[in-house]
C-alpha atoms as a PDB file:
ATOM      1  CA  MET A   1     -32.534 -73.917 -45.017  1.00  0.00           C
ATOM      2  CA  ILE A   2     -29.040 -74.093 -46.521  1.00  0.00           C
ATOM      3  CA  ARG A   3     -28.722 -73.430 -50.259  1.00  0.00           C
ATOM      4  CA  GLU A   4     -25.693 -74.874 -51.867  1.00  0.00           C
ATOM      5  CA  GLY A   5     -23.589 -72.448 -53.917  1.00  0.00           C
ATOM      6  CA  LEU A   6     -24.975 -69.356 -52.086  1.00  0.00           C
ATOM      7  CA  THR A   7     -22.287 -66.947 -51.178  1.00  0.00           C
ATOM      8  CA  ILE A   8     -22.805 -64.149 -48.687  1.00  0.00           C
ATOM      9  CA  ASN A   9     -20.160 -61.468 -48.151  1.00  0.00           C
ATOM     10  CA  ILE A  10     -20.180 -59.924 -44.693  1.00  0.00           C
ATOM     11  CA  SER A  11     -18.090 -57.066 -43.472  1.00  0.00           C
ATOM     12  CA  ILE A  12     -17.779 -56.264 -39.819  1.00  0.00           C
ATOM     13  CA  ILE A  13     -16.993 -52.569 -39.098  1.00  0.00           C
ATOM     14  CA  LYS A  14     -16.963 -50.321 -36.068  1.00  0.00           C
ATOM     15  CA  ALA A  15     -20.329 -48.757 -35.408  1.00  0.00           C
ATOM     16  CA  ALA A  16     -20.489 -45.066 -36.310  1.00  0.00           C
ATOM     17  CA  PRO A  17     -23.057 -42.397 -35.515  1.00  0.00           C
ATOM     18  CA  GLU A  18     -24.724 -42.871 -38.933  1.00  0.00           C
ATOM     19  CA  HIS A  19     -25.516 -46.492 -37.932  1.00  0.00           C
ATOM     20  CA  THR A  20     -27.641 -45.624 -34.822  1.00  0.00           C
ATOM     21  CA  GLU A  21     -30.981 -45.700 -36.551  1.00  0.00           C
ATOM     22  CA  GLU A  22     -30.473 -49.242 -37.885  1.00  0.00           C
ATOM     23  CA  ILE A  23     -28.934 -50.424 -34.558  1.00  0.00           C
ATOM     24  CA  SER A  24     -31.936 -49.103 -32.785  1.00  0.00           C
ATOM     25  CA  ARG A  25     -34.360 -50.827 -35.245  1.00  0.00           C
ATOM     26  CA  ILE A  26     -32.455 -54.203 -34.944  1.00  0.00           C
ATOM     27  CA  CYS A  27     -32.459 -53.940 -31.141  1.00  0.00           C
ATOM     28  CA  SER A  28     -36.161 -53.304 -31.098  1.00  0.00           C
ATOM     29  CA  ILE A  29     -37.141 -56.102 -33.437  1.00  0.00           C
ATOM     30  CA  GLY A  30     -34.807 -58.652 -31.787  1.00  0.00           C
ATOM     31  CA  TRP A  31     -36.000 -57.841 -28.230  1.00  0.00           C
ATOM     32  CA  ARG A  32     -39.696 -57.970 -29.240  1.00  0.00           C
ATOM     33  CA  GLN A  33     -39.215 -61.288 -30.981  1.00  0.00           C
ATOM     34  CA  THR A  34     -37.429 -62.715 -27.915  1.00  0.00           C
ATOM     35  CA  VAL A  35     -40.150 -61.824 -25.496  1.00  0.00           C
ATOM     36  CA  GLN A  36     -43.227 -62.226 -27.759  1.00  0.00           C
ATOM     37  CA  GLY A  37     -45.913 -64.090 -25.835  1.00  0.00           C
ATOM     38  CA  VAL A  38     -44.117 -63.569 -22.544  1.00  0.00           C
ATOM     39  CA  TYR A  39     -44.629 -59.828 -21.872  1.00  0.00           C
ATOM     40  CA  ASP A  40     -47.622 -57.687 -22.858  1.00  0.00           C
ATOM     41  CA  GLU A  41     -47.344 -54.943 -25.489  1.00  0.00           C
ATOM     42  CA  GLU A  42     -47.245 -52.113 -23.025  1.00  0.00           C
ATOM     43  CA  TYR A  43     -44.271 -53.642 -21.171  1.00  0.00           C
ATOM     44  CA  GLN A  44     -42.505 -54.283 -24.478  1.00  0.00           C
ATOM     45  CA  ALA A  45     -43.058 -50.727 -25.663  1.00  0.00           C
ATOM     46  CA  LYS A  46     -41.628 -49.234 -22.419  1.00  0.00           C
ATOM     47  CA  ASN A  47     -38.528 -51.377 -22.645  1.00  0.00           C
ATOM     48  CA  VAL A  48     -38.001 -50.686 -26.351  1.00  0.00           C
ATOM     49  CA  GLU A  49     -38.316 -46.990 -25.549  1.00  0.00           C
ATOM     50  CA  HIS A  50     -35.771 -47.251 -22.756  1.00  0.00           C
ATOM     51  CA  TRP A  51     -33.142 -49.598 -24.270  1.00  0.00           C
ATOM     52  CA  CYS A  52     -33.522 -49.356 -28.017  1.00  0.00           C
ATOM     53  CA  LYS A  53     -34.233 -45.720 -28.690  1.00  0.00           C
ATOM     54  CA  LEU A  54     -31.826 -43.729 -30.867  1.00  0.00           C
ATOM     55  CA  ALA A  55     -30.605 -41.455 -28.094  1.00  0.00           C
ATOM     56  CA  HIS A  56     -29.328 -44.469 -26.109  1.00  0.00           C
ATOM     57  CA  TYR A  57     -27.035 -45.483 -29.006  1.00  0.00           C
ATOM     58  CA  SER A  58     -25.896 -42.022 -29.969  1.00  0.00           C
ATOM     59  CA  ARG A  59     -24.839 -41.466 -26.256  1.00  0.00           C
ATOM     60  CA  SER A  60     -23.167 -44.825 -25.898  1.00  0.00           C
ATOM     61  CA  SER A  61     -19.802 -45.949 -27.207  1.00  0.00           C
ATOM     62  CA  ILE A  62     -20.626 -45.286 -30.848  1.00  0.00           C
ATOM     63  CA  SER A  63     -18.281 -42.537 -31.905  1.00  0.00           C
ATOM     64  CA  ASN A  64     -15.886 -41.735 -34.835  1.00  0.00           C
END
């Protein structure tokens, strides 16, 4: 749905360590929505734990 006259301001910034919790949450939700009905809950949980956990993002290229 597009609403006329609606303005959204978006800023794109480099990810920083304080963003890891939200990045992890978004990763988890997005992946689960993508595979919903395709993979069982156990498989989803294992993959979320591996790919979307906080430690993954805090070790990756997110830095000051």
